[in-house]
Amino acid sequence: MNLLLAGVNTSASTVVWAMAELARNPREMKKAQAEVRSVIGNKGKVTESDLDQLLYLKLVVKETFRLHPPGPLLLPRKIMSYFQMNGYHIHPKTRVHVNNSEEFFPERFIDNSIDFKGRHFELLPFGAGRRVCTAINMGIAMVELTFANLLYHFNWKLPHGMKEEDINMEEGAGITSPKKFALILRPTQYP
């Protein structure tokens, strides 16, 4: 039960973050929707067998995991010995988290072998080694399927009078880093 509930909460949070990032970046939203709609055509819905063809959608999900990992506080590390890095003095027992660029740019992963399955330390939203998330495959499938179907079935607009830069991207408190403020978008059915 814990596995299922943790997977639903983190997956939902990731989809919200992905939608927020695309709402702030209309060019990427159009590109992702065009890909999904082109690949799916008139099938009526995205299925798991379609996911391998949605290459740009996978880049968007990867970039969302990079900026908003589902469990950012699960993997802190403590430094064992003193060292210096870029002019900073790092003392033993200091907690360290990887901090990446804040720019949303899915194309950074084009022709790039970095994945989020624990083999590349540049991107570890699911952990690595013995502490890797046991539901990684389920989580990825849930996020990609939900996200792809939202992009396929609806056109998304900001509420009247709101601009992209007005979307609050603060993270809320909690183990899964949810958005602090709800994402409000206006969906319209895609024909």
N, C-alpha and C. Protein backbone atom coordinates (compact mmCIF):
# COMPACT_ATOMS: atom_id res chain seq x y z
N MET A 1 0.82 -1.19 0.00
CA MET A 1 0.00 0.00 0.00
C MET A 1 0.87 1.26 0.00
N ASN A 2 1.94 1.26 0.81
CA ASN A 2 2.84 2.42 0.86
C ASN A 2 3.45 2.69 -0.51
N LEU A 3 3.84 1.62 -1.20
CA LEU A 3 4.44 1.76 -2.52
C LEU A 3 3.46 2.41 -3.50
N LEU A 4 2.22 1.95 -3.48
CA LEU A 4 1.21 2.49 -4.39
C LEU A 4 0.90 3.95 -4.06
N LEU A 5 0.69 4.26 -2.80
CA LEU A 5 0.37 5.63 -2.41
C LEU A 5 1.53 6.59 -2.68
N ALA A 6 2.74 6.15 -2.40
CA ALA A 6 3.91 7.00 -2.67
C ALA A 6 4.04 7.24 -4.16
N GLY A 7 3.76 6.23 -4.96
CA GLY A 7 3.85 6.37 -6.41
C GLY A 7 2.81 7.31 -6.97
N VAL A 8 1.61 7.27 -6.44
CA VAL A 8 0.54 8.15 -6.92
C VAL A 8 0.86 9.60 -6.56
N ASN A 9 1.28 9.85 -5.34
CA ASN A 9 1.56 11.21 -4.89
C ASN A 9 2.72 11.83 -5.67
N THR A 10 3.81 11.11 -5.81
CA THR A 10 4.98 11.65 -6.52
C THR A 10 4.69 11.79 -8.01
N SER A 11 3.95 10.87 -8.58
CA SER A 11 3.61 10.95 -10.00
C SER A 11 2.70 12.15 -10.27
N ALA A 12 1.70 12.34 -9.43
CA ALA A 12 0.79 13.49 -9.60
C ALA A 12 1.55 14.80 -9.47
N SER A 13 2.45 14.88 -8.50
CA SER A 13 3.24 16.08 -8.30
C SER A 13 4.12 16.36 -9.52
N THR A 14 4.70 15.34 -10.09
CA THR A 14 5.55 15.50 -11.27
C THR A 14 4.74 15.98 -12.47
N VAL A 15 3.54 15.44 -12.67
CA VAL A 15 2.70 15.88 -13.78
C VAL A 15 2.31 17.35 -13.59
N VAL A 16 1.99 17.76 -12.37
CA VAL A 16 1.65 19.16 -12.11
C VAL A 16 2.85 20.06 -12.44
N TRP A 17 4.05 19.66 -12.00
CA TRP A 17 5.24 20.45 -12.31
C TRP A 17 5.48 20.52 -13.82
N ALA A 18 5.29 19.41 -14.52
CA ALA A 18 5.50 19.40 -15.98
C ALA A 18 4.51 20.33 -16.67
N MET A 19 3.25 20.29 -16.24
CA MET A 19 2.24 21.17 -16.83
C MET A 19 2.56 22.64 -16.51
N ALA A 20 3.04 22.91 -15.30
CA ALA A 20 3.41 24.28 -14.93
C ALA A 20 4.56 24.78 -15.79
N GLU A 21 5.56 23.93 -16.00
CA GLU A 21 6.70 24.33 -16.83
C GLU A 21 6.26 24.59 -18.27
N LEU A 22 5.39 23.75 -18.80
CA LEU A 22 4.92 23.98 -20.17
C LEU A 22 4.02 25.21 -20.26
N ALA A 23 3.22 25.46 -19.23
CA ALA A 23 2.38 26.65 -19.23
C ALA A 23 3.24 27.91 -19.23
N ARG A 24 4.40 27.85 -18.60
CA ARG A 24 5.33 28.99 -18.58
C ARG A 24 6.14 29.09 -19.87
N ASN A 25 6.15 28.02 -20.65
CA ASN A 25 6.96 27.95 -21.87
C ASN A 25 6.08 27.49 -23.04
N PRO A 26 5.29 28.41 -23.61
CA PRO A 26 4.33 28.03 -24.66
C PRO A 26 4.95 27.35 -25.87
N ARG A 27 6.18 27.72 -26.24
CA ARG A 27 6.84 27.08 -27.39
C ARG A 27 7.00 25.59 -27.14
N GLU A 28 7.43 25.23 -25.93
CA GLU A 28 7.61 23.82 -25.58
C GLU A 28 6.26 23.11 -25.47
N MET A 29 5.23 23.82 -24.98
CA MET A 29 3.88 23.24 -24.89
C MET A 29 3.41 22.86 -26.29
N LYS A 30 3.54 23.78 -27.25
CA LYS A 30 3.10 23.51 -28.62
C LYS A 30 3.88 22.35 -29.23
N LYS A 31 5.16 22.32 -28.97
CA LYS A 31 6.01 21.26 -29.53
C LYS A 31 5.61 19.89 -28.95
N ALA A 32 5.39 19.83 -27.65
CA ALA A 32 5.00 18.56 -27.01
C ALA A 32 3.63 18.11 -27.49
N GLN A 33 2.67 19.05 -27.57
CA GLN A 33 1.33 18.68 -28.04
C GLN A 33 1.35 18.25 -29.50
N ALA A 34 2.11 18.93 -30.31
CA ALA A 34 2.19 18.56 -31.73
C ALA A 34 2.74 17.14 -31.89
N GLU A 35 3.76 16.81 -31.10
CA GLU A 35 4.33 15.47 -31.18
C GLU A 35 3.30 14.42 -30.77
N VAL A 36 2.66 14.62 -29.62
CA VAL A 36 1.70 13.64 -29.12
C VAL A 36 0.56 13.47 -30.12
N ARG A 37 0.03 14.56 -30.61
CA ARG A 37 -1.11 14.49 -31.54
C ARG A 37 -0.73 13.90 -32.89
N SER A 38 0.50 14.13 -33.31
CA SER A 38 0.97 13.56 -34.57
C SER A 38 1.14 12.04 -34.45
N VAL A 39 1.75 11.61 -33.35
CA VAL A 39 1.99 10.18 -33.16
C VAL A 39 0.68 9.42 -32.92
N ILE A 40 -0.22 9.98 -32.13
CA ILE A 40 -1.45 9.27 -31.75
C ILE A 40 -2.51 9.37 -32.83
N GLY A 41 -2.53 10.49 -33.53
CA GLY A 41 -3.52 10.65 -34.61
C GLY A 41 -4.94 10.58 -34.08
N ASN A 42 -5.76 9.72 -34.69
CA ASN A 42 -7.17 9.59 -34.31
C ASN A 42 -7.45 8.39 -33.42
N LYS A 43 -6.42 7.85 -32.78
CA LYS A 43 -6.62 6.67 -31.92
C LYS A 43 -7.53 6.93 -30.73
N GLY A 44 -7.59 8.17 -30.28
CA GLY A 44 -8.48 8.50 -29.18
C GLY A 44 -7.82 8.61 -27.81
N LYS A 45 -6.69 7.92 -27.61
CA LYS A 45 -5.97 8.04 -26.35
C LYS A 45 -4.56 7.50 -26.50
N VAL A 46 -3.69 7.96 -25.62
CA VAL A 46 -2.31 7.49 -25.60
C VAL A 46 -2.26 6.22 -24.75
N THR A 47 -1.61 5.20 -25.27
CA THR A 47 -1.45 3.96 -24.50
C THR A 47 0.04 3.74 -24.21
N GLU A 48 0.32 2.81 -23.35
CA GLU A 48 1.70 2.55 -22.97
C GLU A 48 2.57 2.16 -24.16
N SER A 49 2.00 1.48 -25.14
CA SER A 49 2.77 1.09 -26.32
C SER A 49 3.17 2.28 -27.19
N ASP A 50 2.52 3.43 -27.01
CA ASP A 50 2.85 4.64 -27.78
C ASP A 50 4.02 5.41 -27.18
N LEU A 51 4.33 5.19 -25.93
CA LEU A 51 5.28 6.04 -25.22
C LEU A 51 6.67 6.08 -25.84
N ASP A 52 7.14 4.98 -26.39
CA ASP A 52 8.48 4.96 -26.98
C ASP A 52 8.62 5.88 -28.19
N GLN A 53 7.51 6.24 -28.81
CA GLN A 53 7.55 7.13 -29.97
C GLN A 53 7.51 8.61 -29.57
N LEU A 54 7.23 8.91 -28.32
CA LEU A 54 7.06 10.29 -27.85
C LEU A 54 8.39 10.81 -27.30
N LEU A 55 9.32 11.08 -28.19
CA LEU A 55 10.68 11.44 -27.80
C LEU A 55 10.75 12.81 -27.14
N TYR A 56 10.05 13.81 -27.66
CA TYR A 56 10.09 15.13 -27.04
C TYR A 56 9.40 15.12 -25.68
N LEU A 57 8.30 14.39 -25.57
CA LEU A 57 7.61 14.26 -24.29
C LEU A 57 8.56 13.68 -23.24
N LYS A 58 9.36 12.71 -23.64
CA LYS A 58 10.34 12.12 -22.71
C LYS A 58 11.40 13.15 -22.29
N LEU A 59 11.78 14.04 -23.20
CA LEU A 59 12.73 15.10 -22.85
C LEU A 59 12.11 16.05 -21.83
N VAL A 60 10.84 16.37 -22.02
CA VAL A 60 10.14 17.27 -21.09
C VAL A 60 10.04 16.61 -19.72
N VAL A 61 9.71 15.33 -19.68
CA VAL A 61 9.62 14.63 -18.40
C VAL A 61 10.99 14.58 -17.72
N LYS A 62 12.02 14.29 -18.48
CA LYS A 62 13.38 14.24 -17.92
C LYS A 62 13.78 15.60 -17.34
N GLU A 63 13.47 16.67 -18.08
CA GLU A 63 13.80 18.02 -17.61
C GLU A 63 12.98 18.37 -16.37
N THR A 64 11.74 17.92 -16.32
CA THR A 64 10.91 18.14 -15.13
C THR A 64 11.50 17.40 -13.93
N PHE A 65 11.93 16.17 -14.12
CA PHE A 65 12.58 15.42 -13.04
C PHE A 65 13.86 16.12 -12.58
N ARG A 66 14.58 16.73 -13.53
CA ARG A 66 15.81 17.42 -13.16
C ARG A 66 15.52 18.64 -12.29
N LEU A 67 14.53 19.43 -12.69
CA LEU A 67 14.21 20.65 -11.95
C LEU A 67 13.39 20.39 -10.69
N HIS A 68 12.52 19.39 -10.74
CA HIS A 68 11.59 19.13 -9.63
C HIS A 68 11.59 17.64 -9.30
N PRO A 69 12.67 17.13 -8.73
CA PRO A 69 12.71 15.69 -8.43
C PRO A 69 11.59 15.30 -7.47
N PRO A 70 10.99 14.13 -7.68
CA PRO A 70 9.84 13.73 -6.86
C PRO A 70 10.16 13.56 -5.38
N GLY A 71 11.39 13.26 -5.04
CA GLY A 71 11.76 13.09 -3.64
C GLY A 71 13.09 13.73 -3.33
N PRO A 72 13.18 15.05 -3.41
CA PRO A 72 14.49 15.71 -3.31
C PRO A 72 15.17 15.57 -1.96
N LEU A 73 14.41 15.33 -0.91
CA LEU A 73 15.04 15.26 0.41
C LEU A 73 15.35 13.83 0.83
N LEU A 74 15.13 12.88 -0.04
CA LEU A 74 15.39 11.49 0.32
C LEU A 74 16.85 11.11 0.20
N LEU A 75 17.63 11.88 -0.55
CA LEU A 75 18.99 11.46 -0.85
C LEU A 75 20.08 12.44 -0.42
N PRO A 76 19.94 13.13 0.70
CA PRO A 76 21.06 14.00 1.08
C PRO A 76 22.26 13.15 1.45
N ARG A 77 23.42 13.72 1.24
CA ARG A 77 24.66 13.04 1.60
C ARG A 77 25.42 13.92 2.58
N LYS A 78 26.15 13.30 3.48
CA LYS A 78 26.99 14.05 4.41
C LYS A 78 28.44 13.88 3.99
N ILE A 79 29.16 14.99 3.98
CA ILE A 79 30.56 14.99 3.62
C ILE A 79 31.36 14.35 4.76
N MET A 80 32.31 13.50 4.41
CA MET A 80 33.10 12.80 5.43
C MET A 80 34.38 13.54 5.80
N SER A 81 34.94 14.31 4.86
CA SER A 81 36.18 15.02 5.17
C SER A 81 36.16 16.40 4.51
N TYR A 82 36.93 17.31 5.04
CA TYR A 82 36.98 18.69 4.56
C TYR A 82 37.53 18.76 3.13
N PHE A 83 36.92 19.64 2.32
CA PHE A 83 37.48 19.95 1.00
C PHE A 83 36.97 21.32 0.55
N GLN A 84 37.58 21.83 -0.53
CA GLN A 84 37.17 23.10 -1.12
C GLN A 84 36.69 22.85 -2.54
N MET A 85 35.62 23.59 -2.91
CA MET A 85 35.11 23.48 -4.26
C MET A 85 34.64 24.86 -4.70
N ASN A 86 35.19 25.34 -5.81
CA ASN A 86 34.81 26.64 -6.36
C ASN A 86 34.88 27.76 -5.31
N GLY A 87 35.86 27.70 -4.45
CA GLY A 87 36.04 28.74 -3.44
C GLY A 87 35.23 28.54 -2.18
N TYR A 88 34.41 27.51 -2.13
CA TYR A 88 33.61 27.23 -0.95
C TYR A 88 34.34 26.23 -0.06
N HIS A 89 34.26 26.42 1.25
CA HIS A 89 34.86 25.51 2.22
C HIS A 89 33.77 24.56 2.69
N ILE A 90 33.95 23.29 2.40
CA ILE A 90 32.96 22.27 2.76
C ILE A 90 33.51 21.45 3.92
N HIS A 91 32.81 21.49 5.03
CA HIS A 91 33.27 20.83 6.25
C HIS A 91 32.61 19.47 6.44
N PRO A 92 33.24 18.59 7.19
CA PRO A 92 32.64 17.27 7.46
C PRO A 92 31.24 17.40 8.05
N LYS A 93 30.40 16.45 7.74
CA LYS A 93 29.01 16.35 8.19
C LYS A 93 28.09 17.41 7.58
N THR A 94 28.57 18.13 6.56
CA THR A 94 27.71 19.07 5.83
C THR A 94 26.79 18.28 4.93
N ARG A 95 25.51 18.61 4.93
CA ARG A 95 24.56 17.94 4.03
C ARG A 95 24.69 18.56 2.64
N VAL A 96 24.71 17.72 1.63
CA VAL A 96 24.91 18.18 0.26
C VAL A 96 23.75 17.72 -0.60
N HIS A 97 23.20 18.66 -1.38
CA HIS A 97 22.19 18.36 -2.39
C HIS A 97 22.69 18.92 -3.72
N VAL A 98 22.42 18.22 -4.81
CA VAL A 98 22.81 18.72 -6.12
C VAL A 98 21.85 19.84 -6.50
N ASN A 99 22.38 20.96 -6.95
CA ASN A 99 21.56 22.09 -7.35
C ASN A 99 21.86 22.39 -8.81
N ASN A 100 20.84 22.34 -9.63
CA ASN A 100 21.02 22.52 -11.07
C ASN A 100 20.47 23.85 -11.55
N SER A 101 20.76 24.15 -12.78
CA SER A 101 20.25 25.35 -13.43
C SER A 101 18.73 25.39 -13.33
N GLU A 102 18.18 26.58 -13.18
CA GLU A 102 16.74 26.75 -13.04
C GLU A 102 16.02 26.89 -14.38
N GLU A 103 16.76 27.00 -15.48
CA GLU A 103 16.15 27.19 -16.79
C GLU A 103 15.51 25.89 -17.27
N PHE A 104 14.25 25.98 -17.74
CA PHE A 104 13.56 24.83 -18.30
C PHE A 104 13.94 24.72 -19.77
N PHE A 105 14.73 23.71 -20.09
CA PHE A 105 15.24 23.54 -21.45
C PHE A 105 15.34 22.05 -21.77
N PRO A 106 14.23 21.43 -22.20
CA PRO A 106 14.22 19.98 -22.46
C PRO A 106 15.26 19.54 -23.49
N GLU A 107 15.59 20.42 -24.43
CA GLU A 107 16.53 20.05 -25.48
C GLU A 107 17.93 19.74 -24.96
N ARG A 108 18.22 20.09 -23.71
CA ARG A 108 19.54 19.78 -23.15
C ARG A 108 19.82 18.27 -23.16
N PHE A 109 18.76 17.47 -23.25
CA PHE A 109 18.93 16.01 -23.21
C PHE A 109 18.93 15.37 -24.60
N ILE A 110 18.82 16.16 -25.66
CA ILE A 110 18.87 15.58 -27.01
C ILE A 110 20.27 15.02 -27.24
N ASP A 111 20.34 13.85 -27.82
CA ASP A 111 21.61 13.17 -28.10
C ASP A 111 22.48 13.08 -26.85
N ASN A 112 21.85 12.84 -25.73
CA ASN A 112 22.53 12.78 -24.45
C ASN A 112 22.13 11.47 -23.78
N SER A 113 23.09 10.71 -23.33
CA SER A 113 22.79 9.39 -22.77
C SER A 113 22.39 9.44 -21.30
N ILE A 114 22.35 10.61 -20.69
CA ILE A 114 21.99 10.72 -19.27
C ILE A 114 20.55 10.28 -19.08
N ASP A 115 20.34 9.34 -18.17
CA ASP A 115 18.98 8.93 -17.83
C ASP A 115 18.76 9.15 -16.34
N PHE A 116 17.56 8.87 -15.88
CA PHE A 116 17.24 9.09 -14.47
C PHE A 116 17.02 7.78 -13.74
N LYS A 117 17.67 6.74 -14.20
CA LYS A 117 17.47 5.41 -13.61
C LYS A 117 18.59 5.00 -12.66
N GLY A 118 19.40 5.97 -12.22
CA GLY A 118 20.42 5.69 -11.22
C GLY A 118 21.80 5.40 -11.76
N ARG A 119 21.98 5.53 -13.07
CA ARG A 119 23.30 5.25 -13.65
C ARG A 119 24.12 6.51 -13.89
N HIS A 120 23.48 7.67 -13.86
CA HIS A 120 24.16 8.94 -14.11
C HIS A 120 23.92 9.87 -12.94
N PHE A 121 24.98 10.27 -12.30
CA PHE A 121 24.85 11.06 -11.09
C PHE A 121 24.46 12.51 -11.35
N GLU A 122 24.37 12.91 -12.62
CA GLU A 122 23.89 14.25 -12.94
C GLU A 122 22.38 14.37 -12.75
N LEU A 123 21.68 13.23 -12.72
CA LEU A 123 20.22 13.23 -12.65
C LEU A 123 19.76 12.00 -11.87
N LEU A 124 19.35 12.21 -10.63
CA LEU A 124 18.96 11.09 -9.76
C LEU A 124 17.61 11.30 -9.08
N PRO A 125 16.54 11.55 -9.82
CA PRO A 125 15.26 11.78 -9.15
C PRO A 125 14.72 10.55 -8.43
N PHE A 126 15.18 9.36 -8.81
CA PHE A 126 14.70 8.14 -8.19
C PHE A 126 15.75 7.49 -7.29
N GLY A 127 16.86 8.18 -7.07
CA GLY A 127 17.93 7.61 -6.27
C GLY A 127 18.82 6.71 -7.12
N ALA A 128 19.70 6.00 -6.43
CA ALA A 128 20.64 5.11 -7.13
C ALA A 128 21.10 4.01 -6.19
N GLY A 129 21.68 3.00 -6.77
CA GLY A 129 22.25 1.92 -5.97
C GLY A 129 21.21 1.20 -5.13
N ARG A 130 21.57 0.88 -3.90
CA ARG A 130 20.66 0.15 -3.02
C ARG A 130 19.45 0.98 -2.63
N ARG A 131 19.54 2.30 -2.76
CA ARG A 131 18.43 3.16 -2.35
C ARG A 131 17.58 3.63 -3.52
N VAL A 132 17.72 3.01 -4.67
CA VAL A 132 16.93 3.40 -5.83
C VAL A 132 15.45 3.06 -5.55
N CYS A 133 14.57 3.89 -6.07
CA CYS A 133 13.13 3.68 -5.89
C CYS A 133 12.74 2.35 -6.54
N THR A 134 12.04 1.53 -5.80
CA THR A 134 11.66 0.21 -6.32
C THR A 134 10.56 0.30 -7.37
N ALA A 135 9.85 1.41 -7.40
CA ALA A 135 8.74 1.57 -8.33
C ALA A 135 9.10 2.50 -9.49
N ILE A 136 10.37 2.58 -9.84
CA ILE A 136 10.81 3.52 -10.87
C ILE A 136 10.07 3.31 -12.20
N ASN A 137 9.92 2.09 -12.64
CA ASN A 137 9.25 1.83 -13.93
C ASN A 137 7.77 2.20 -13.89
N MET A 138 7.12 1.88 -12.77
CA MET A 138 5.72 2.24 -12.62
C MET A 138 5.57 3.76 -12.59
N GLY A 139 6.44 4.45 -11.86
CA GLY A 139 6.38 5.90 -11.75
C GLY A 139 6.57 6.59 -13.08
N ILE A 140 7.55 6.13 -13.84
CA ILE A 140 7.81 6.73 -15.16
C ILE A 140 6.61 6.52 -16.08
N ALA A 141 6.08 5.31 -16.10
CA ALA A 141 4.93 5.01 -16.96
C ALA A 141 3.71 5.84 -16.56
N MET A 142 3.46 5.97 -15.25
CA MET A 142 2.31 6.76 -14.78
C MET A 142 2.44 8.23 -15.20
N VAL A 143 3.62 8.78 -15.00
CA VAL A 143 3.85 10.19 -15.35
C VAL A 143 3.70 10.39 -16.85
N GLU A 144 4.39 9.58 -17.65
CA GLU A 144 4.36 9.76 -19.10
C GLU A 144 2.97 9.56 -19.68
N LEU A 145 2.25 8.52 -19.21
CA LEU A 145 0.90 8.26 -19.74
C LEU A 145 -0.08 9.37 -19.37
N THR A 146 -0.08 9.77 -18.12
CA THR A 146 -0.99 10.82 -17.67
C THR A 146 -0.69 12.12 -18.41
N PHE A 147 0.57 12.49 -18.43
CA PHE A 147 1.01 13.72 -19.05
C PHE A 147 0.68 13.73 -20.55
N ALA A 148 0.98 12.64 -21.25
CA ALA A 148 0.72 12.55 -22.69
C ALA A 148 -0.78 12.67 -22.98
N ASN A 149 -1.61 12.04 -22.17
CA ASN A 149 -3.06 12.12 -22.40
C ASN A 149 -3.60 13.52 -22.12
N LEU A 150 -3.06 14.20 -21.13
CA LEU A 150 -3.47 15.59 -20.88
C LEU A 150 -3.11 16.49 -22.06
N LEU A 151 -1.94 16.27 -22.63
CA LEU A 151 -1.52 17.07 -23.79
C LEU A 151 -2.32 16.71 -25.04
N TYR A 152 -2.67 15.45 -25.17
CA TYR A 152 -3.41 14.98 -26.35
C TYR A 152 -4.85 15.49 -26.36
N HIS A 153 -5.53 15.39 -25.23
CA HIS A 153 -6.97 15.66 -25.18
C HIS A 153 -7.36 17.12 -25.00
N PHE A 154 -6.44 17.96 -24.50
CA PHE A 154 -6.82 19.33 -24.17
C PHE A 154 -5.81 20.35 -24.68
N ASN A 155 -6.32 21.52 -25.02
CA ASN A 155 -5.49 22.70 -25.20
C ASN A 155 -5.51 23.41 -23.85
N TRP A 156 -4.39 23.95 -23.45
CA TRP A 156 -4.26 24.55 -22.12
C TRP A 156 -3.95 26.04 -22.24
N LYS A 157 -4.70 26.84 -21.51
CA LYS A 157 -4.48 28.28 -21.49
C LYS A 157 -4.43 28.76 -20.04
N LEU A 158 -3.78 29.88 -19.86
CA LEU A 158 -3.76 30.50 -18.54
C LEU A 158 -5.09 31.20 -18.30
N PRO A 159 -5.48 31.37 -17.02
CA PRO A 159 -6.70 32.13 -16.74
C PRO A 159 -6.62 33.53 -17.33
N HIS A 160 -7.76 34.10 -17.63
CA HIS A 160 -7.83 35.42 -18.26
C HIS A 160 -7.00 36.45 -17.50
N GLY A 161 -6.14 37.15 -18.23
CA GLY A 161 -5.33 38.21 -17.64
C GLY A 161 -4.03 37.74 -17.01
N MET A 162 -3.81 36.46 -16.93
CA MET A 162 -2.58 35.94 -16.32
C MET A 162 -1.51 35.77 -17.39
N LYS A 163 -0.27 36.05 -17.02
CA LYS A 163 0.87 35.88 -17.93
C LYS A 163 1.72 34.71 -17.45
N GLU A 164 2.55 34.19 -18.36
CA GLU A 164 3.41 33.05 -18.02
C GLU A 164 4.26 33.33 -16.79
N GLU A 165 4.79 34.53 -16.70
CA GLU A 165 5.68 34.86 -15.57
C GLU A 165 4.91 35.00 -14.25
N ASP A 166 3.57 35.02 -14.31
CA ASP A 166 2.77 35.11 -13.08
C ASP A 166 2.59 33.75 -12.40
N ILE A 167 2.94 32.68 -13.06
CA ILE A 167 2.80 31.35 -12.46
C ILE A 167 3.82 31.23 -11.34
N ASN A 168 3.33 30.98 -10.15
CA ASN A 168 4.21 30.85 -8.99
C ASN A 168 4.83 29.46 -9.00
N MET A 169 6.16 29.40 -8.99
CA MET A 169 6.87 28.13 -9.08
C MET A 169 7.53 27.75 -7.74
N GLU A 170 7.02 28.30 -6.64
CA GLU A 170 7.57 27.95 -5.34
C GLU A 170 7.21 26.52 -4.98
N GLU A 171 8.17 25.86 -4.34
CA GLU A 171 7.92 24.50 -3.87
C GLU A 171 7.32 24.56 -2.48
N GLY A 172 6.36 23.71 -2.23
CA GLY A 172 5.74 23.62 -0.92
C GLY A 172 6.54 22.70 -0.02
N ALA A 173 6.13 22.65 1.22
CA ALA A 173 6.79 21.77 2.18
C ALA A 173 6.28 20.35 1.99
N GLY A 174 7.12 19.42 2.24
CA GLY A 174 6.73 18.02 2.13
C GLY A 174 7.85 17.21 1.53
N ILE A 175 7.72 15.93 1.69
CA ILE A 175 8.79 15.05 1.24
C ILE A 175 8.82 14.94 -0.28
N THR A 176 7.71 15.28 -0.96
CA THR A 176 7.66 15.14 -2.41
C THR A 176 7.76 16.47 -3.16
N SER A 177 8.02 17.57 -2.50
CA SER A 177 8.17 18.88 -3.14
C SER A 177 7.00 19.26 -4.03
N PRO A 178 5.80 19.31 -3.49
CA PRO A 178 4.67 19.74 -4.33
C PRO A 178 4.76 21.23 -4.61
N LYS A 179 3.98 21.71 -5.60
CA LYS A 179 3.91 23.14 -5.82
C LYS A 179 3.25 23.76 -4.59
N LYS A 180 3.78 24.90 -4.18
CA LYS A 180 3.24 25.57 -2.99
C LYS A 180 1.83 26.09 -3.25
N PHE A 181 1.62 26.60 -4.47
CA PHE A 181 0.31 27.12 -4.86
C PHE A 181 -0.21 26.30 -6.02
N ALA A 182 -1.51 26.06 -6.02
CA ALA A 182 -2.13 25.23 -7.06
C ALA A 182 -1.90 25.82 -8.45
N LEU A 183 -1.74 24.94 -9.41
CA LEU A 183 -1.63 25.35 -10.80
C LEU A 183 -3.05 25.47 -11.36
N ILE A 184 -3.38 26.63 -11.88
CA ILE A 184 -4.71 26.84 -12.43
C ILE A 184 -4.57 27.12 -13.93
N LEU A 185 -5.12 26.20 -14.73
CA LEU A 185 -5.12 26.33 -16.19
C LEU A 185 -6.53 26.11 -16.70
N ARG A 186 -6.82 26.66 -17.87
CA ARG A 186 -8.12 26.48 -18.50
C ARG A 186 -7.99 25.44 -19.63
N PRO A 187 -8.58 24.26 -19.43
CA PRO A 187 -8.53 23.29 -20.52
C PRO A 187 -9.70 23.48 -21.48
N THR A 188 -9.43 23.28 -22.76
CA THR A 188 -10.50 23.21 -23.75
C THR A 188 -10.29 21.91 -24.52
N GLN A 189 -11.38 21.22 -24.76
CA GLN A 189 -11.32 19.92 -25.45
C GLN A 189 -10.68 20.08 -26.82
N TYR A 190 -9.73 19.20 -27.10
CA TYR A 190 -9.12 19.18 -28.43
C TYR A 190 -9.97 18.29 -29.33
N PRO A 191 -10.28 18.76 -30.52
CA PRO A 191 -11.17 17.98 -31.40
C PRO A 191 -10.67 16.63 -31.73
